[in-house]
Amino acid sequence: MTSIFSFFTPKDKAFQPLFEQASSNVLLIAEKLLETVSTKDLDQRRELIKEIERLEHVGDDITHTIFIELSKNFITPFDREDIHSLVSALDDIADYVHATASNIELYNVVVISETMIKLAEILVEMCRDLDKAVRELRSFKNIRVIADACVRINSGENQADYVTNIAIARLFEFEKDAIELIRQKEILQTLEIATDKCEDAANVLESILVKNA
């Protein structure tokens, strides 16, 4: 009987620690990106980019483990589709942060613009709110934390859009080197997509909140 009851018990003990590992890793990878674009030491920048790559692989492993848990467990803490969407969005954030860092190295970008730093700062704040919200899924005791975090994430994405659009417009107006324009534009857009993925994760959290609070 014990084994039967355990089969039908929501696997919060299995899923929630993995959700928190995923969100914590995303915050860490965003913080490493901010360090990457903030340093003028090229050797340190290369080391940080290697660390971002390592953390992206850690995120992939966590995502894979969660999907395995989904396939094994009949009962889940909340809708399977929401779990899949949330974890996929978190994985996408890490992917685009990794892509940003890789492009900085591949394109041999030496001078980092103030806009890149600003976008990285916005991304860190969004990921910090995302991590706070994910941790509240453990009990749903303070749903206001989740709701407020989602509002701030949505606001951050709007700010990132605005900052990116202005920066790209100025690139086309003032940058005379076509190759440099393409480099800068690619990095800015990849960073902005990372903020879009944060908003995607926040939207899933809002859906979970409506269904379970």
C-alpha atoms as a PDB file:
ATOM      1  CA  MET A   1       0.000   0.000   0.000  1.00  0.00           C
ATOM      2  CA  THR A   2       2.837   2.389   0.814  1.00  0.00           C
ATOM      3  CA  SER A   3       4.317   1.944  -2.641  1.00  0.00           C
ATOM      4  CA  ILE A   4       0.907   2.537  -4.249  1.00  0.00           C
ATOM      5  CA  PHE A   5       0.350   5.768  -2.313  1.00  0.00           C
ATOM      6  CA  SER A   6       3.863   6.962  -3.131  1.00  0.00           C
ATOM      7  CA  PHE A   7       3.134   6.469  -6.840  1.00  0.00           C
ATOM      8  CA  PHE A   8       0.179   8.870  -6.659  1.00  0.00           C
ATOM      9  CA  THR A   9       1.947  11.458  -4.500  1.00  0.00           C
ATOM     10  CA  PRO A  10       3.100  14.626  -6.347  1.00  0.00           C
ATOM     11  CA  LYS A  11       6.844  14.401  -6.831  1.00  0.00           C
ATOM     12  CA  ASP A  12       7.708  17.809  -5.375  1.00  0.00           C
ATOM     13  CA  LYS A  13      10.785  16.279  -3.772  1.00  0.00           C
ATOM     14  CA  ALA A  14      11.974  15.226  -7.209  1.00  0.00           C
ATOM     15  CA  PHE A  15      11.017  18.280  -9.258  1.00  0.00           C
ATOM     16  CA  GLN A  16      11.357  21.338  -7.036  1.00  0.00           C
ATOM     17  CA  PRO A  17      15.078  20.938  -6.246  1.00  0.00           C
ATOM     18  CA  LEU A  18      15.698  20.566  -9.990  1.00  0.00           C
ATOM     19  CA  PHE A  19      13.659  23.698 -10.779  1.00  0.00           C
ATOM     20  CA  GLU A  20      15.727  25.595  -8.232  1.00  0.00           C
ATOM     21  CA  GLN A  21      18.979  24.215  -9.620  1.00  0.00           C
ATOM     22  CA  ALA A  22      17.928  25.338 -13.097  1.00  0.00           C
ATOM     23  CA  SER A  23      16.950  28.870 -12.046  1.00  0.00           C
ATOM     24  CA  SER A  24      20.058  29.241  -9.874  1.00  0.00           C
ATOM     25  CA  ASN A  25      22.261  28.155 -12.756  1.00  0.00           C
ATOM     26  CA  VAL A  26      20.573  30.643 -15.077  1.00  0.00           C
ATOM     27  CA  LEU A  27      21.207  33.461 -12.592  1.00  0.00           C
ATOM     28  CA  LEU A  28      24.841  32.408 -12.255  1.00  0.00           C
ATOM     29  CA  ILE A  29      25.394  32.277 -16.006  1.00  0.00           C
ATOM     30  CA  ALA A  30      23.845  35.750 -16.389  1.00  0.00           C
ATOM     31  CA  GLU A  31      26.130  37.088 -13.647  1.00  0.00           C
ATOM     32  CA  LYS A  32      29.149  35.590 -15.419  1.00  0.00           C
ATOM     33  CA  LEU A  33      28.100  37.293 -18.637  1.00  0.00           C
ATOM     34  CA  LEU A  34      27.911  40.630 -16.836  1.00  0.00           C
ATOM     35  CA  GLU A  35      31.430  40.024 -15.520  1.00  0.00           C
ATOM     36  CA  THR A  36      32.523  39.136 -19.060  1.00  0.00           C
ATOM     37  CA  VAL A  37      31.283  42.351 -20.641  1.00  0.00           C
ATOM     38  CA  SER A  38      32.433  44.475 -17.707  1.00  0.00           C
ATOM     39  CA  THR A  39      36.082  43.427 -17.636  1.00  0.00           C
ATOM     40  CA  LYS A  40      38.735  45.008 -19.851  1.00  0.00           C
ATOM     41  CA  ASP A  41      41.174  42.177 -19.086  1.00  0.00           C
ATOM     42  CA  LEU A  42      41.038  39.986 -22.217  1.00  0.00           C
ATOM     43  CA  ASP A  43      42.554  36.957 -20.476  1.00  0.00           C
ATOM     44  CA  GLN A  44      39.951  37.181 -17.721  1.00  0.00           C
ATOM     45  CA  ARG A  45      37.254  37.579 -20.360  1.00  0.00           C
ATOM     46  CA  ARG A  46      38.347  34.357 -22.063  1.00  0.00           C
ATOM     47  CA  GLU A  47      38.261  32.486 -18.758  1.00  0.00           C
ATOM     48  CA  LEU A  48      34.772  33.800 -18.014  1.00  0.00           C
ATOM     49  CA  ILE A  49      33.559  32.716 -21.451  1.00  0.00           C
ATOM     50  CA  LYS A  50      34.870  29.201 -20.724  1.00  0.00           C
ATOM     51  CA  GLU A  51      32.990  29.234 -17.421  1.00  0.00           C
ATOM     52  CA  ILE A  52      29.799  30.323 -19.196  1.00  0.00           C
ATOM     53  CA  GLU A  53      30.188  27.390 -21.579  1.00  0.00           C
ATOM     54  CA  ARG A  54      30.603  25.029 -18.628  1.00  0.00           C
ATOM     55  CA  LEU A  55      27.506  26.420 -16.920  1.00  0.00           C
ATOM     56  CA  GLU A  56      25.503  26.076 -20.125  1.00  0.00           C
ATOM     57  CA  HIS A  57      26.382  22.362 -20.150  1.00  0.00           C
ATOM     58  CA  VAL A  58      25.330  22.130 -16.480  1.00  0.00           C
ATOM     59  CA  GLY A  59      21.988  23.652 -17.472  1.00  0.00           C
ATOM     60  CA  ASP A  60      21.587  21.120 -20.268  1.00  0.00           C
ATOM     61  CA  ASP A  61      22.134  18.289 -17.788  1.00  0.00           C
ATOM     62  CA  ILE A  62      19.522  19.706 -15.389  1.00  0.00           C
ATOM     63  CA  THR A  63      17.024  20.113 -18.233  1.00  0.00           C
ATOM     64  CA  HIS A  64      17.626  16.537 -19.369  1.00  0.00           C
ATOM     65  CA  THR A  65      17.126  15.241 -15.819  1.00  0.00           C
ATOM     66  CA  ILE A  66      13.819  17.106 -15.457  1.00  0.00           C
ATOM     67  CA  PHE A  67      12.546  15.692 -18.737  1.00  0.00           C
ATOM     68  CA  ILE A  68      13.489  12.194 -17.561  1.00  0.00           C
ATOM     69  CA  GLU A  69      11.526  12.822 -14.335  1.00  0.00           C
ATOM     70  CA  LEU A  70       8.547  13.914 -16.432  1.00  0.00           C
ATOM     71  CA  SER A  71       8.646  10.648 -18.353  1.00  0.00           C
ATOM     72  CA  LYS A  72       8.947   8.571 -15.145  1.00  0.00           C
ATOM     73  CA  ASN A  73       6.340  10.216 -12.903  1.00  0.00           C
ATOM     74  CA  PHE A  74       2.588   9.979 -13.408  1.00  0.00           C
ATOM     75  CA  ILE A  75       1.806  12.763 -10.915  1.00  0.00           C
ATOM     76  CA  THR A  76       3.623  16.107 -11.121  1.00  0.00           C
ATOM     77  CA  PRO A  77       3.490  19.244  -8.930  1.00  0.00           C
ATOM     78  CA  PHE A  78       1.655  21.134 -11.681  1.00  0.00           C
ATOM     79  CA  ASP A  79       0.730  20.707 -15.343  1.00  0.00           C
ATOM     80  CA  ARG A  80       3.262  18.729 -17.348  1.00  0.00           C
ATOM     81  CA  GLU A  81       2.996  21.251 -20.186  1.00  0.00           C
ATOM     82  CA  ASP A  82       3.854  24.094 -17.812  1.00  0.00           C
ATOM     83  CA  ILE A  83       6.836  22.191 -16.447  1.00  0.00           C
ATOM     84  CA  HIS A  84       8.079  21.566 -19.970  1.00  0.00           C
ATOM     85  CA  SER A  85       7.556  25.205 -20.983  1.00  0.00           C
ATOM     86  CA  LEU A  86       9.222  26.602 -17.857  1.00  0.00           C
ATOM     87  CA  VAL A  87      12.265  24.354 -18.087  1.00  0.00           C
ATOM     88  CA  SER A  88      12.595  24.978 -21.826  1.00  0.00           C
ATOM     89  CA  ALA A  89      12.504  28.746 -21.278  1.00  0.00           C
ATOM     90  CA  LEU A  90      15.179  28.508 -18.570  1.00  0.00           C
ATOM     91  CA  ASP A  91      17.321  26.395 -20.882  1.00  0.00           C
ATOM     92  CA  ASP A  92      16.834  28.937 -23.686  1.00  0.00           C
ATOM     93  CA  ILE A  93      18.075  31.775 -21.463  1.00  0.00           C
ATOM     94  CA  ALA A  94      21.290  29.872 -20.794  1.00  0.00           C
ATOM     95  CA  ASP A  95      21.642  29.067 -24.506  1.00  0.00           C
ATOM     96  CA  TYR A  96      21.384  32.701 -25.564  1.00  0.00           C
ATOM     97  CA  VAL A  97      23.731  33.891 -22.824  1.00  0.00           C
ATOM     98  CA  HIS A  98      26.211  31.283 -24.023  1.00  0.00           C
ATOM     99  CA  ALA A  99      25.686  32.397 -27.636  1.00  0.00           C
ATOM    100  CA  THR A 100      26.360  36.018 -26.639  1.00  0.00           C
ATOM    101  CA  ALA A 101      29.590  35.116 -24.876  1.00  0.00           C
ATOM    102  CA  SER A 102      30.695  32.832 -27.721  1.00  0.00           C
ATOM    103  CA  ASN A 103      30.050  35.548 -30.302  1.00  0.00           C
ATOM    104  CA  ILE A 104      32.145  38.035 -28.343  1.00  0.00           C
ATOM    105  CA  GLU A 105      35.030  35.581 -28.634  1.00  0.00           C
ATOM    106  CA  LEU A 106      34.358  34.360 -32.182  1.00  0.00           C
ATOM    107  CA  TYR A 107      33.911  37.871 -33.580  1.00  0.00           C
ATOM    108  CA  ASN A 108      36.997  39.047 -31.696  1.00  0.00           C
ATOM    109  CA  VAL A 109      35.097  41.906 -30.063  1.00  0.00           C
ATOM    110  CA  VAL A 110      37.554  43.863 -27.948  1.00  0.00           C
ATOM    111  CA  VAL A 111      35.605  47.010 -27.103  1.00  0.00           C
ATOM    112  CA  ILE A 112      32.338  46.297 -25.297  1.00  0.00           C
ATOM    113  CA  SER A 113      29.668  48.977 -25.654  1.00  0.00           C
ATOM    114  CA  GLU A 114      27.853  50.545 -22.712  1.00  0.00           C
ATOM    115  CA  THR A 115      24.626  49.162 -24.150  1.00  0.00           C
ATOM    116  CA  MET A 116      25.900  45.587 -23.902  1.00  0.00           C
ATOM    117  CA  ILE A 117      26.769  46.178 -20.264  1.00  0.00           C
ATOM    118  CA  LYS A 118      23.349  47.730 -19.645  1.00  0.00           C
ATOM    119  CA  LEU A 119      21.562  44.782 -21.256  1.00  0.00           C
ATOM    120  CA  ALA A 120      23.635  42.335 -19.206  1.00  0.00           C
ATOM    121  CA  GLU A 121      22.680  44.251 -16.045  1.00  0.00           C
ATOM    122  CA  ILE A 122      18.990  44.113 -16.982  1.00  0.00           C
ATOM    123  CA  LEU A 123      19.307  40.378 -17.678  1.00  0.00           C
ATOM    124  CA  VAL A 124      20.885  39.714 -14.277  1.00  0.00           C
ATOM    125  CA  GLU A 125      18.024  41.515 -12.516  1.00  0.00           C
ATOM    126  CA  MET A 126      15.468  39.560 -14.535  1.00  0.00           C
ATOM    127  CA  CYS A 127      17.181  36.256 -13.739  1.00  0.00           C
ATOM    128  CA  ARG A 128      17.369  37.206 -10.064  1.00  0.00           C
ATOM    129  CA  ASP A 129      13.607  37.767 -10.013  1.00  0.00           C
ATOM    130  CA  LEU A 130      13.091  34.534 -11.916  1.00  0.00           C
ATOM    131  CA  ASP A 131      15.105  32.607  -9.337  1.00  0.00           C
ATOM    132  CA  LYS A 132      13.081  34.157  -6.482  1.00  0.00           C
ATOM    133  CA  ALA A 133       9.814  33.242  -8.192  1.00  0.00           C
ATOM    134  CA  VAL A 134      10.854  29.653  -8.939  1.00  0.00           C
ATOM    135  CA  ARG A 135      11.792  29.120  -5.295  1.00  0.00           C
ATOM    136  CA  GLU A 136       8.273  30.161  -4.257  1.00  0.00           C
ATOM    137  CA  LEU A 137       6.859  27.231  -6.249  1.00  0.00           C
ATOM    138  CA  ARG A 138       7.935  25.010  -3.361  1.00  0.00           C
ATOM    139  CA  SER A 139       4.971  26.040  -1.194  1.00  0.00           C
ATOM    140  CA  PHE A 140       2.931  28.796  -2.918  1.00  0.00           C
ATOM    141  CA  LYS A 141       2.758  30.407   0.530  1.00  0.00           C
ATOM    142  CA  ASN A 142       3.728  33.841  -0.775  1.00  0.00           C
ATOM    143  CA  ILE A 143       2.213  34.134  -4.217  1.00  0.00           C
ATOM    144  CA  ARG A 144       2.779  37.901  -4.197  1.00  0.00           C
ATOM    145  CA  VAL A 145       6.512  37.222  -4.561  1.00  0.00           C
ATOM    146  CA  ILE A 146       5.850  35.327  -7.800  1.00  0.00           C
ATOM    147  CA  ALA A 147       3.395  37.897  -9.133  1.00  0.00           C
ATOM    148  CA  ASP A 148       5.656  40.863  -8.358  1.00  0.00           C
ATOM    149  CA  ALA A 149       8.681  39.132  -9.837  1.00  0.00           C
ATOM    150  CA  CYS A 150       6.782  38.472 -13.067  1.00  0.00           C
ATOM    151  CA  VAL A 151       5.754  42.133 -13.309  1.00  0.00           C
ATOM    152  CA  ARG A 152       9.365  43.244 -12.884  1.00  0.00           C
ATOM    153  CA  ILE A 153      10.558  40.699 -15.462  1.00  0.00           C
ATOM    154  CA  ASN A 154       8.020  41.964 -18.000  1.00  0.00           C
ATOM    155  CA  SER A 155       9.126  45.525 -17.303  1.00  0.00           C
ATOM    156  CA  GLY A 156      12.765  44.496 -17.721  1.00  0.00           C
ATOM    157  CA  GLU A 157      12.034  42.946 -21.107  1.00  0.00           C
ATOM    158  CA  ASN A 158      10.362  46.164 -22.278  1.00  0.00           C
ATOM    159  CA  GLN A 159      13.376  48.152 -21.107  1.00  0.00           C
ATOM    160  CA  ALA A 160      15.728  45.740 -22.905  1.00  0.00           C
ATOM    161  CA  ASP A 161      13.728  46.148 -26.136  1.00  0.00           C
ATOM    162  CA  TYR A 162      13.960  49.917 -25.909  1.00  0.00           C
ATOM    163  CA  VAL A 163      17.684  49.959 -25.109  1.00  0.00           C
ATOM    164  CA  THR A 164      18.438  47.524 -27.938  1.00  0.00           C
ATOM    165  CA  ASN A 165      16.386  49.385 -30.541  1.00  0.00           C
ATOM    166  CA  ILE A 166      18.015  52.713 -29.692  1.00  0.00           C
ATOM    167  CA  ALA A 167      21.496  51.179 -29.782  1.00  0.00           C
ATOM    168  CA  ILE A 168      20.937  49.519 -33.169  1.00  0.00           C
ATOM    169  CA  ALA A 169      19.492  52.735 -34.625  1.00  0.00           C
ATOM    170  CA  ARG A 170      22.619  54.584 -33.478  1.00  0.00           C
ATOM    171  CA  LEU A 171      24.842  51.894 -34.971  1.00  0.00           C
ATOM    172  CA  PHE A 172      23.258  52.426 -38.384  1.00  0.00           C
ATOM    173  CA  GLU A 173      23.575  56.174 -37.994  1.00  0.00           C
ATOM    174  CA  PHE A 174      27.151  56.452 -36.745  1.00  0.00           C
ATOM    175  CA  GLU A 175      29.068  53.190 -37.344  1.00  0.00           C
ATOM    176  CA  LYS A 176      30.928  53.433 -40.674  1.00  0.00           C
ATOM    177  CA  ASP A 177      32.607  50.016 -40.492  1.00  0.00           C
ATOM    178  CA  ALA A 178      30.063  47.532 -41.875  1.00  0.00           C
ATOM    179  CA  ILE A 179      31.777  44.521 -40.280  1.00  0.00           C
ATOM    180  CA  GLU A 180      31.837  46.167 -36.860  1.00  0.00           C
ATOM    181  CA  LEU A 181      28.171  47.116 -37.264  1.00  0.00           C
ATOM    182  CA  ILE A 182      27.254  43.474 -37.931  1.00  0.00           C
ATOM    183  CA  ARG A 183      29.299  42.279 -34.937  1.00  0.00           C
ATOM    184  CA  GLN A 184      27.748  44.747 -32.546  1.00  0.00           C
ATOM    185  CA  LYS A 185      24.216  44.248 -33.872  1.00  0.00           C
ATOM    186  CA  GLU A 186      24.443  40.442 -33.581  1.00  0.00           C
ATOM    187  CA  ILE A 187      25.612  40.572 -29.963  1.00  0.00           C
ATOM    188  CA  LEU A 188      22.966  43.138 -28.987  1.00  0.00           C
ATOM    189  CA  GLN A 189      20.171  41.120 -30.584  1.00  0.00           C
ATOM    190  CA  THR A 190      21.306  37.838 -29.024  1.00  0.00           C
ATOM    191  CA  LEU A 191      21.403  39.485 -25.604  1.00  0.00           C
ATOM    192  CA  GLU A 192      17.942  40.925 -26.157  1.00  0.00           C
ATOM    193  CA  ILE A 193      16.595  37.482 -27.090  1.00  0.00           C
ATOM    194  CA  ALA A 194      17.883  36.205 -23.727  1.00  0.00           C
ATOM    195  CA  THR A 195      15.647  38.796 -22.046  1.00  0.00           C
ATOM    196  CA  ASP A 196      12.737  37.628 -24.236  1.00  0.00           C
ATOM    197  CA  LYS A 197      13.257  34.112 -22.906  1.00  0.00           C
ATOM    198  CA  CYS A 198      13.143  35.463 -19.345  1.00  0.00           C
ATOM    199  CA  GLU A 199       9.759  36.944 -20.155  1.00  0.00           C
ATOM    200  CA  ASP A 200       8.662  33.581 -21.599  1.00  0.00           C
ATOM    201  CA  ALA A 201       9.586  31.930 -18.290  1.00  0.00           C
ATOM    202  CA  ALA A 202       7.689  34.627 -16.370  1.00  0.00           C
ATOM    203  CA  ASN A 203       4.611  34.035 -18.514  1.00  0.00           C
ATOM    204  CA  VAL A 204       4.726  30.332 -17.649  1.00  0.00           C
ATOM    205  CA  LEU A 205       5.061  31.190 -13.959  1.00  0.00           C
ATOM    206  CA  GLU A 206       1.978  33.406 -14.195  1.00  0.00           C
ATOM    207  CA  SER A 207       0.084  30.529 -15.798  1.00  0.00           C
ATOM    208  CA  ILE A 208       1.175  28.193 -12.994  1.00  0.00           C
ATOM    209  CA  LEU A 209       0.123  30.793 -10.442  1.00  0.00           C
ATOM    210  CA  VAL A 210      -3.377  31.142 -11.901  1.00  0.00           C
ATOM    211  CA  LYS A 211      -3.881  27.376 -11.992  1.00  0.00           C
ATOM    212  CA  ASN A 212      -2.460  26.526  -8.558  1.00  0.00           C
ATOM    213  CA  ALA A 213      -2.674  29.488  -6.208  1.00  0.00           C
END
